[in-house]
């Protein structure tokens, strides 16, 4: 059970929790309003590195969700944070990814794009990936470049259903190179730690709400955070086992909010 009366901060996954594609999910606005009224801090953490935080802010606003860009932590930002703490300015990179990842790494010139002899191959989701991109990345990795992946999500929830995610591209490159990437995003703890620090929150009183057992729930558990699984995205109730076990499971956000209100009334 979740000690709702003790929760002071919430970290939301986005795709499959607050929305799917461009459709807001039931209860999202109501839950955020509830948190605002009770002065409970929150932020979003997403493995999706296809967009910038500013693009996410605009996307959410179009669905009636107010979420400042500064409260959106993407795997691209977490990857940028890790790489800058590990490699010097001028490090050469080859990127397989979209605008969110490219702007995070290349926006201020700290990293230099190089498709010939990069020191790093950094890969995220790429909805316009081509064989040529995969070939270049594979040759660079085989040539000695370190392989970095923003996240391992094999699928990506959309209005049409589950479509290939960054993990699907990662599987192709791993098969082509026999190289296992160093993964930055969930379920690694880096993103959770960055977001908790961003909110000025405490690990013991922070709740993670996600839709994936293998990333959201596993990552929250690894980071020592309380977790809630909602069944509006990828994972199903019958997939829950000893390996990935959330503190609570809810059909959707209205179900979670109802439990939260009930918990407060008991407290």
C-alpha atoms as a PDB file:
ATOM      1  CA  UNK A   1       0.000   0.000   0.000  1.00  0.00           C
ATOM      2  CA  UNK A   2       1.036   3.579  -0.588  1.00  0.00           C
ATOM      3  CA  UNK A   3       1.179   5.960   2.416  1.00  0.00           C
ATOM      4  CA  UNK A   4      -0.523   8.766   0.496  1.00  0.00           C
ATOM      5  CA  UNK A   5      -0.608  11.095   3.504  1.00  0.00           C
ATOM      6  CA  UNK A   6       3.203  11.128   3.488  1.00  0.00           C
ATOM      7  CA  UNK A   7       3.698  11.831  -0.240  1.00  0.00           C
ATOM      8  CA  UNK A   8       5.210  15.286  -0.832  1.00  0.00           C
ATOM      9  CA  UNK A   9       6.331  14.935  -4.474  1.00  0.00           C
ATOM     10  CA  UNK A  10       5.282  12.981  -7.573  1.00  0.00           C
ATOM     11  CA  UNK A  11       7.258  11.963 -10.646  1.00  0.00           C
ATOM     12  CA  UNK A  12       5.043  11.177 -13.638  1.00  0.00           C
ATOM     13  CA  UNK A  13       5.920   9.158 -16.661  1.00  0.00           C
ATOM     14  CA  UNK A  14       4.192  10.810 -19.620  1.00  0.00           C
ATOM     15  CA  UNK A  15       3.306   8.511 -22.527  1.00  0.00           C
ATOM     16  CA  UNK A  16       0.652   6.092 -21.335  1.00  0.00           C
ATOM     17  CA  UNK A  17       0.129   7.932 -18.034  1.00  0.00           C
ATOM     18  CA  UNK A  18      -0.859  11.554 -18.722  1.00  0.00           C
ATOM     19  CA  UNK A  19      -1.646  11.049 -22.397  1.00  0.00           C
ATOM     20  CA  UNK A  20      -1.428   8.673 -25.319  1.00  0.00           C
ATOM     21  CA  UNK A  21      -0.216  10.269 -28.542  1.00  0.00           C
ATOM     22  CA  UNK A  22      -2.114  13.577 -28.591  1.00  0.00           C
ATOM     23  CA  UNK A  23      -5.018  12.433 -26.441  1.00  0.00           C
ATOM     24  CA  UNK A  24      -5.100  13.340 -22.758  1.00  0.00           C
ATOM     25  CA  UNK A  25      -5.955  10.380 -20.555  1.00  0.00           C
ATOM     26  CA  UNK A  26      -8.863  10.504 -18.092  1.00  0.00           C
ATOM     27  CA  UNK A  27      -8.036  11.964 -14.706  1.00  0.00           C
ATOM     28  CA  UNK A  28      -4.771  13.656 -15.699  1.00  0.00           C
ATOM     29  CA  UNK A  29      -5.979  17.234 -15.287  1.00  0.00           C
ATOM     30  CA  UNK A  30      -7.913  16.386 -12.126  1.00  0.00           C
ATOM     31  CA  UNK A  31      -4.919  14.719 -10.474  1.00  0.00           C
ATOM     32  CA  UNK A  32      -2.586  17.613 -11.285  1.00  0.00           C
ATOM     33  CA  UNK A  33      -5.153  20.086  -9.947  1.00  0.00           C
ATOM     34  CA  UNK A  34      -5.392  18.028  -6.749  1.00  0.00           C
ATOM     35  CA  UNK A  35      -1.608  18.149  -6.350  1.00  0.00           C
ATOM     36  CA  UNK A  36      -1.560  21.903  -6.948  1.00  0.00           C
ATOM     37  CA  UNK A  37      -4.240  22.492  -4.314  1.00  0.00           C
ATOM     38  CA  UNK A  38      -2.346  20.429  -1.745  1.00  0.00           C
ATOM     39  CA  UNK A  39       1.005  22.036  -2.689  1.00  0.00           C
ATOM     40  CA  UNK A  40       2.517  18.684  -3.654  1.00  0.00           C
ATOM     41  CA  UNK A  41       5.414  19.188  -6.066  1.00  0.00           C
ATOM     42  CA  UNK A  42       5.615  17.209  -9.289  1.00  0.00           C
ATOM     43  CA  UNK A  43       7.604  16.765 -12.477  1.00  0.00           C
ATOM     44  CA  UNK A  44       7.600  14.536 -15.531  1.00  0.00           C
ATOM     45  CA  UNK A  45      10.317  12.024 -16.368  1.00  0.00           C
ATOM     46  CA  UNK A  46      10.167  10.419 -19.775  1.00  0.00           C
ATOM     47  CA  UNK A  47      12.407   8.071 -21.705  1.00  0.00           C
ATOM     48  CA  UNK A  48      11.106   9.664 -24.903  1.00  0.00           C
ATOM     49  CA  UNK A  49      13.958  11.825 -26.195  1.00  0.00           C
ATOM     50  CA  UNK A  50      12.242  12.730 -29.459  1.00  0.00           C
ATOM     51  CA  UNK A  51      11.181  16.240 -28.308  1.00  0.00           C
ATOM     52  CA  UNK A  52      12.579  19.101 -26.255  1.00  0.00           C
ATOM     53  CA  UNK A  53      11.056  20.096 -22.871  1.00  0.00           C
ATOM     54  CA  UNK A  54       9.668  23.208 -24.573  1.00  0.00           C
ATOM     55  CA  UNK A  55       7.925  21.032 -27.178  1.00  0.00           C
ATOM     56  CA  UNK A  56       6.491  18.901 -24.388  1.00  0.00           C
ATOM     57  CA  UNK A  57       5.224  22.016 -22.627  1.00  0.00           C
ATOM     58  CA  UNK A  58       3.415  23.077 -25.813  1.00  0.00           C
ATOM     59  CA  UNK A  59       2.057  19.572 -26.463  1.00  0.00           C
ATOM     60  CA  UNK A  60       0.705  19.271 -22.942  1.00  0.00           C
ATOM     61  CA  UNK A  61      -0.784  22.773 -23.055  1.00  0.00           C
ATOM     62  CA  UNK A  62      -2.695  21.837 -26.219  1.00  0.00           C
ATOM     63  CA  UNK A  63      -4.292  19.013 -24.226  1.00  0.00           C
ATOM     64  CA  UNK A  64      -5.173  21.278 -21.305  1.00  0.00           C
ATOM     65  CA  UNK A  65      -2.241  20.234 -19.099  1.00  0.00           C
ATOM     66  CA  UNK A  66      -0.055  22.970 -17.617  1.00  0.00           C
ATOM     67  CA  UNK A  67       3.508  21.689 -17.256  1.00  0.00           C
ATOM     68  CA  UNK A  68       6.426  24.168 -17.489  1.00  0.00           C
ATOM     69  CA  UNK A  69       9.378  22.996 -19.580  1.00  0.00           C
ATOM     70  CA  UNK A  70      11.586  23.156 -16.498  1.00  0.00           C
ATOM     71  CA  UNK A  71       9.563  20.338 -14.948  1.00  0.00           C
ATOM     72  CA  UNK A  72      10.117  17.939 -17.858  1.00  0.00           C
ATOM     73  CA  UNK A  73      13.161  15.678 -17.547  1.00  0.00           C
ATOM     74  CA  UNK A  74      13.742  13.670 -20.721  1.00  0.00           C
ATOM     75  CA  UNK A  75      16.247  10.879 -21.245  1.00  0.00           C
ATOM     76  CA  UNK A  76      17.990  13.274 -23.655  1.00  0.00           C
ATOM     77  CA  UNK A  77      18.601  15.738 -20.808  1.00  0.00           C
ATOM     78  CA  UNK A  78      19.751  12.953 -18.493  1.00  0.00           C
ATOM     79  CA  UNK A  79      22.063  11.659 -21.222  1.00  0.00           C
ATOM     80  CA  UNK A  80      23.460  15.153 -21.740  1.00  0.00           C
ATOM     81  CA  UNK A  81      24.008  15.508 -17.993  1.00  0.00           C
ATOM     82  CA  UNK A  82      25.912  12.216 -17.796  1.00  0.00           C
ATOM     83  CA  UNK A  83      28.033  12.775 -20.898  1.00  0.00           C
ATOM     84  CA  UNK A  84      29.098  16.295 -19.907  1.00  0.00           C
ATOM     85  CA  UNK A  85      30.178  15.003 -16.516  1.00  0.00           C
ATOM     86  CA  UNK A  86      32.180  12.242 -18.215  1.00  0.00           C
ATOM     87  CA  UNK A  87      33.638  13.684 -21.434  1.00  0.00           C
ATOM     88  CA  UNK A  88      35.391  16.998 -22.220  1.00  0.00           C
ATOM     89  CA  UNK A  89      34.153  19.726 -24.532  1.00  0.00           C
ATOM     90  CA  UNK A  90      34.863  18.944 -28.162  1.00  0.00           C
ATOM     91  CA  UNK A  91      34.097  15.225 -27.865  1.00  0.00           C
ATOM     92  CA  UNK A  92      32.996  13.899 -31.259  1.00  0.00           C
ATOM     93  CA  UNK A  93      29.563  12.232 -31.442  1.00  0.00           C
ATOM     94  CA  UNK A  94      27.364  10.550 -34.021  1.00  0.00           C
ATOM     95  CA  UNK A  95      23.663  10.797 -33.165  1.00  0.00           C
ATOM     96  CA  UNK A  96      20.829   8.490 -34.159  1.00  0.00           C
ATOM     97  CA  UNK A  97      17.878  10.406 -32.778  1.00  0.00           C
ATOM     98  CA  UNK A  98      15.435  13.252 -33.121  1.00  0.00           C
ATOM     99  CA  UNK A  99      15.307  16.954 -32.306  1.00  0.00           C
ATOM    100  CA  UNK A 100      15.147  16.557 -28.522  1.00  0.00           C
ATOM    101  CA  UNK A 101      18.371  14.560 -28.393  1.00  0.00           C
ATOM    102  CA  UNK A 102      20.186  16.589 -31.036  1.00  0.00           C
ATOM    103  CA  UNK A 103      19.430  19.925 -29.356  1.00  0.00           C
ATOM    104  CA  UNK A 104      20.417  18.625 -25.911  1.00  0.00           C
ATOM    105  CA  UNK A 105      23.818  17.459 -27.155  1.00  0.00           C
ATOM    106  CA  UNK A 106      24.624  19.924 -29.919  1.00  0.00           C
ATOM    107  CA  UNK A 107      22.722  23.071 -28.925  1.00  0.00           C
ATOM    108  CA  UNK A 108      25.646  24.952 -27.367  1.00  0.00           C
ATOM    109  CA  UNK A 109      28.567  23.405 -29.241  1.00  0.00           C
ATOM    110  CA  UNK A 110      29.910  21.367 -26.315  1.00  0.00           C
ATOM    111  CA  UNK A 111      29.822  18.207 -28.442  1.00  0.00           C
ATOM    112  CA  UNK A 112      30.887  18.072 -32.096  1.00  0.00           C
ATOM    113  CA  UNK A 113      28.928  16.051 -34.635  1.00  0.00           C
ATOM    114  CA  UNK A 114      31.114  13.646 -36.594  1.00  0.00           C
ATOM    115  CA  UNK A 115      29.933  10.738 -38.773  1.00  0.00           C
ATOM    116  CA  UNK A 116      33.455   9.680 -39.770  1.00  0.00           C
ATOM    117  CA  UNK A 117      35.393   9.030 -36.562  1.00  0.00           C
ATOM    118  CA  UNK A 118      33.200   9.760 -33.527  1.00  0.00           C
ATOM    119  CA  UNK A 119      34.207   8.879 -29.995  1.00  0.00           C
ATOM    120  CA  UNK A 120      30.576   8.238 -29.073  1.00  0.00           C
ATOM    121  CA  UNK A 121      27.507   6.900 -30.863  1.00  0.00           C
ATOM    122  CA  UNK A 122      24.452   8.240 -29.020  1.00  0.00           C
ATOM    123  CA  UNK A 123      21.134   6.639 -29.965  1.00  0.00           C
ATOM    124  CA  UNK A 124      17.563   7.394 -29.006  1.00  0.00           C
ATOM    125  CA  UNK A 125      14.177   7.086 -30.659  1.00  0.00           C
ATOM    126  CA  UNK A 126      14.218   8.070 -34.333  1.00  0.00           C
ATOM    127  CA  UNK A 127      10.930   8.002 -36.228  1.00  0.00           C
ATOM    128  CA  UNK A 128      12.781   8.658 -39.496  1.00  0.00           C
ATOM    129  CA  UNK A 129      15.577   6.129 -39.021  1.00  0.00           C
ATOM    130  CA  UNK A 130      17.073   4.779 -42.261  1.00  0.00           C
ATOM    131  CA  UNK A 131      19.324   1.909 -43.180  1.00  0.00           C
ATOM    132  CA  UNK A 132      22.041   4.461 -43.950  1.00  0.00           C
ATOM    133  CA  UNK A 133      21.894   5.809 -40.358  1.00  0.00           C
ATOM    134  CA  UNK A 134      22.044   2.318 -38.909  1.00  0.00           C
ATOM    135  CA  UNK A 135      24.943   1.386 -41.168  1.00  0.00           C
ATOM    136  CA  UNK A 136      26.938   4.471 -40.180  1.00  0.00           C
ATOM    137  CA  UNK A 137      26.252   3.891 -36.484  1.00  0.00           C
ATOM    138  CA  UNK A 138      27.206   0.219 -36.724  1.00  0.00           C
ATOM    139  CA  UNK A 139      30.462   0.977 -38.539  1.00  0.00           C
ATOM    140  CA  UNK A 140      31.369   3.648 -35.980  1.00  0.00           C
ATOM    141  CA  UNK A 141      30.679   1.294 -33.062  1.00  0.00           C
ATOM    142  CA  UNK A 142      32.714  -1.470 -34.705  1.00  0.00           C
ATOM    143  CA  UNK A 143      35.437   1.127 -35.259  1.00  0.00           C
ATOM    144  CA  UNK A 144      35.744   1.767 -31.533  1.00  0.00           C
ATOM    145  CA  UNK A 145      33.132   4.410 -30.667  1.00  0.00           C
ATOM    146  CA  UNK A 146      31.430   3.904 -27.308  1.00  0.00           C
ATOM    147  CA  UNK A 147      27.743   3.103 -27.732  1.00  0.00           C
ATOM    148  CA  UNK A 148      25.338   5.144 -25.552  1.00  0.00           C
ATOM    149  CA  UNK A 149      21.552   4.607 -25.609  1.00  0.00           C
ATOM    150  CA  UNK A 150      19.125   7.110 -24.127  1.00  0.00           C
ATOM    151  CA  UNK A 151      16.617   4.434 -23.119  1.00  0.00           C
ATOM    152  CA  UNK A 152      15.694   0.781 -23.678  1.00  0.00           C
ATOM    153  CA  UNK A 153      11.939   1.146 -24.398  1.00  0.00           C
ATOM    154  CA  UNK A 154      11.194  -1.378 -27.149  1.00  0.00           C
ATOM    155  CA  UNK A 155       7.783   0.114 -27.866  1.00  0.00           C
ATOM    156  CA  UNK A 156       6.228   3.572 -27.911  1.00  0.00           C
ATOM    157  CA  UNK A 157       2.496   4.139 -27.138  1.00  0.00           C
ATOM    158  CA  UNK A 158       0.608   6.087 -29.820  1.00  0.00           C
ATOM    159  CA  UNK A 159      -3.041   6.601 -30.816  1.00  0.00           C
ATOM    160  CA  UNK A 160      -2.557   3.774 -33.330  1.00  0.00           C
ATOM    161  CA  UNK A 161      -1.177   1.376 -30.727  1.00  0.00           C
ATOM    162  CA  UNK A 162       2.330   0.328 -29.716  1.00  0.00           C
ATOM    163  CA  UNK A 163       4.961   1.263 -32.296  1.00  0.00           C
ATOM    164  CA  UNK A 164       8.756   0.641 -32.328  1.00  0.00           C
ATOM    165  CA  UNK A 165      10.680   2.668 -29.741  1.00  0.00           C
ATOM    166  CA  UNK A 166      14.331   3.425 -29.030  1.00  0.00           C
ATOM    167  CA  UNK A 167      14.862  -0.099 -27.737  1.00  0.00           C
ATOM    168  CA  UNK A 168      13.882  -1.546 -31.103  1.00  0.00           C
ATOM    169  CA  UNK A 169      16.630   0.488 -32.787  1.00  0.00           C
ATOM    170  CA  UNK A 170      18.972  -0.526 -29.965  1.00  0.00           C
ATOM    171  CA  UNK A 171      18.184  -4.190 -30.702  1.00  0.00           C
ATOM    172  CA  UNK A 172      19.099  -3.699 -34.362  1.00  0.00           C
ATOM    173  CA  UNK A 173      22.424  -2.029 -33.554  1.00  0.00           C
ATOM    174  CA  UNK A 174      23.251  -4.602 -30.897  1.00  0.00           C
ATOM    175  CA  UNK A 175      22.567  -7.395 -33.371  1.00  0.00           C
ATOM    176  CA  UNK A 176      24.724  -5.681 -36.009  1.00  0.00           C
ATOM    177  CA  UNK A 177      27.666  -4.901 -33.723  1.00  0.00           C
ATOM    178  CA  UNK A 178      27.600  -7.419 -30.852  1.00  0.00           C
ATOM    179  CA  UNK A 179      28.009  -4.350 -28.615  1.00  0.00           C
ATOM    180  CA  UNK A 180      25.799  -3.704 -25.576  1.00  0.00           C
ATOM    181  CA  UNK A 181      25.141   0.015 -25.051  1.00  0.00           C
ATOM    182  CA  UNK A 182      25.484   1.957 -21.823  1.00  0.00           C
ATOM    183  CA  UNK A 183      21.865   2.949 -21.100  1.00  0.00           C
ATOM    184  CA  UNK A 184      21.096   6.290 -19.410  1.00  0.00           C
ATOM    185  CA  UNK A 185      17.300   6.413 -19.119  1.00  0.00           C
ATOM    186  CA  UNK A 186      14.867   4.372 -17.073  1.00  0.00           C
ATOM    187  CA  UNK A 187      15.266   1.878 -15.466  1.00  0.00           C
ATOM    188  CA  UNK A 188      18.698   3.321 -14.584  1.00  0.00           C
ATOM    189  CA  UNK A 189      18.441   5.592 -11.494  1.00  0.00           C
ATOM    190  CA  UNK A 190      19.995   8.708 -13.072  1.00  0.00           C
ATOM    191  CA  UNK A 191      16.745  10.277 -14.325  1.00  0.00           C
ATOM    192  CA  UNK A 192      14.949   9.687 -11.025  1.00  0.00           C
ATOM    193  CA  UNK A 193      17.796  11.222  -9.036  1.00  0.00           C
ATOM    194  CA  UNK A 194      17.947  14.284 -11.300  1.00  0.00           C
ATOM    195  CA  UNK A 195      14.186  14.832 -11.016  1.00  0.00           C
ATOM    196  CA  UNK A 196      14.078  14.416  -7.220  1.00  0.00           C
ATOM    197  CA  UNK A 197      16.906  16.921  -6.934  1.00  0.00           C
ATOM    198  CA  UNK A 198      15.112  19.285  -9.334  1.00  0.00           C
ATOM    199  CA  UNK A 199      12.039  19.296  -7.092  1.00  0.00           C
ATOM    200  CA  UNK A 200      14.052  19.673  -3.908  1.00  0.00           C
ATOM    201  CA  UNK A 201      12.229  16.553  -2.763  1.00  0.00           C
ATOM    202  CA  UNK A 202      13.062  13.658  -0.470  1.00  0.00           C
ATOM    203  CA  UNK A 203      13.487  10.095  -1.690  1.00  0.00           C
ATOM    204  CA  UNK A 204      11.310   8.700   1.109  1.00  0.00           C
ATOM    205  CA  UNK A 205       8.300  10.894   0.304  1.00  0.00           C
ATOM    206  CA  UNK A 206       8.350  10.805  -3.514  1.00  0.00           C
ATOM    207  CA  UNK A 207       5.899   8.726  -5.568  1.00  0.00           C
ATOM    208  CA  UNK A 208       6.575   7.540  -9.120  1.00  0.00           C
ATOM    209  CA  UNK A 209       3.539   6.949 -11.352  1.00  0.00           C
ATOM    210  CA  UNK A 210       4.236   4.919 -14.495  1.00  0.00           C
ATOM    211  CA  UNK A 211       2.756   2.492 -16.997  1.00  0.00           C
ATOM    212  CA  UNK A 212       5.764   0.224 -17.637  1.00  0.00           C
ATOM    213  CA  UNK A 213       6.986  -2.423 -15.222  1.00  0.00           C
ATOM    214  CA  UNK A 214      10.406  -2.820 -16.835  1.00  0.00           C
ATOM    215  CA  UNK A 215      11.323   0.880 -16.821  1.00  0.00           C
ATOM    216  CA  UNK A 216       9.101   3.002 -14.538  1.00  0.00           C
ATOM    217  CA  UNK A 217       8.557   0.488 -11.756  1.00  0.00           C
ATOM    218  CA  UNK A 218      11.959  -1.206 -11.943  1.00  0.00           C
ATOM    219  CA  UNK A 219      13.670   2.188 -12.012  1.00  0.00           C
ATOM    220  CA  UNK A 220      11.671   3.560  -9.089  1.00  0.00           C
ATOM    221  CA  UNK A 221      12.465   0.462  -7.042  1.00  0.00           C
ATOM    222  CA  UNK A 222      16.157   0.739  -7.898  1.00  0.00           C
ATOM    223  CA  UNK A 223      16.172   4.403  -6.875  1.00  0.00           C
ATOM    224  CA  UNK A 224      14.424   3.659  -3.568  1.00  0.00           C
ATOM    225  CA  UNK A 225      11.161   5.411  -4.498  1.00  0.00           C
ATOM    226  CA  UNK A 226       7.539   4.405  -3.918  1.00  0.00           C
ATOM    227  CA  UNK A 227       5.824   3.369  -7.167  1.00  0.00           C
ATOM    228  CA  UNK A 228       2.321   3.103  -8.616  1.00  0.00           C
ATOM    229  CA  UNK A 229       1.491   1.301 -11.866  1.00  0.00           C
ATOM    230  CA  UNK A 230      -1.439   2.536 -13.972  1.00  0.00           C
ATOM    231  CA  UNK A 231      -2.866   0.168 -16.577  1.00  0.00           C
ATOM    232  CA  UNK A 232      -3.391   2.796 -19.285  1.00  0.00           C
ATOM    233  CA  UNK A 233      -0.175   2.199 -21.196  1.00  0.00           C
ATOM    234  CA  UNK A 234       2.089  -0.757 -21.863  1.00  0.00           C
ATOM    235  CA  UNK A 235       2.119  -3.174 -18.923  1.00  0.00           C
ATOM    236  CA  UNK A 236      -0.799  -5.403 -17.889  1.00  0.00           C
ATOM    237  CA  UNK A 237      -1.838  -6.687 -14.508  1.00  0.00           C
ATOM    238  CA  UNK A 238      -0.972 -10.306 -15.375  1.00  0.00           C
ATOM    239  CA  UNK A 239       2.644  -9.279 -16.074  1.00  0.00           C
ATOM    240  CA  UNK A 240       3.299  -8.294 -12.460  1.00  0.00           C
ATOM    241  CA  UNK A 241       5.691 -10.681 -10.713  1.00  0.00           C
ATOM    242  CA  UNK A 242       8.448 -10.810  -8.158  1.00  0.00           C
ATOM    243  CA  UNK A 243      10.930  -9.143 -10.503  1.00  0.00           C
ATOM    244  CA  UNK A 244       8.840  -6.017 -11.090  1.00  0.00           C
ATOM    245  CA  UNK A 245       6.430  -5.300  -8.250  1.00  0.00           C
ATOM    246  CA  UNK A 246       4.908  -1.831  -7.767  1.00  0.00           C
ATOM    247  CA  UNK A 247       3.676  -0.696  -4.375  1.00  0.00           C
ATOM    248  CA  UNK A 248       0.167  -0.410  -5.827  1.00  0.00           C
ATOM    249  CA  UNK A 249      -1.685  -0.974  -9.117  1.00  0.00           C
ATOM    250  CA  UNK A 250      -4.537   1.168 -10.458  1.00  0.00           C
ATOM    251  CA  UNK A 251      -6.748   0.854 -13.509  1.00  0.00           C
ATOM    252  CA  UNK A 252      -6.213   4.528 -14.366  1.00  0.00           C
ATOM    253  CA  UNK A 253      -5.576   7.948 -12.832  1.00  0.00           C
ATOM    254  CA  UNK A 254      -9.173   8.415 -11.558  1.00  0.00           C
ATOM    255  CA  UNK A 255      -8.757   5.101  -9.712  1.00  0.00           C
ATOM    256  CA  UNK A 256      -5.465   6.332  -8.230  1.00  0.00           C
ATOM    257  CA  UNK A 257      -6.921   9.696  -7.207  1.00  0.00           C
ATOM    258  CA  UNK A 258      -9.862   7.941  -5.568  1.00  0.00           C
ATOM    259  CA  UNK A 259      -7.480   5.787  -3.530  1.00  0.00           C
ATOM    260  CA  UNK A 260      -5.441   8.879  -2.587  1.00  0.00           C
ATOM    261  CA  UNK A 261      -8.544  10.720  -1.344  1.00  0.00           C
ATOM    262  CA  UNK A 262      -9.679   7.636   0.555  1.00  0.00           C
ATOM    263  CA  UNK A 263      -6.246   7.311   2.138  1.00  0.00           C
ATOM    264  CA  UNK A 264      -6.327  10.911   3.300  1.00  0.00           C
ATOM    265  CA  UNK A 265      -9.771  10.488   4.824  1.00  0.00           C
ATOM    266  CA  UNK A 266      -8.550   7.482   6.799  1.00  0.00           C
ATOM    267  CA  UNK A 267      -5.434   9.343   7.911  1.00  0.00           C
END
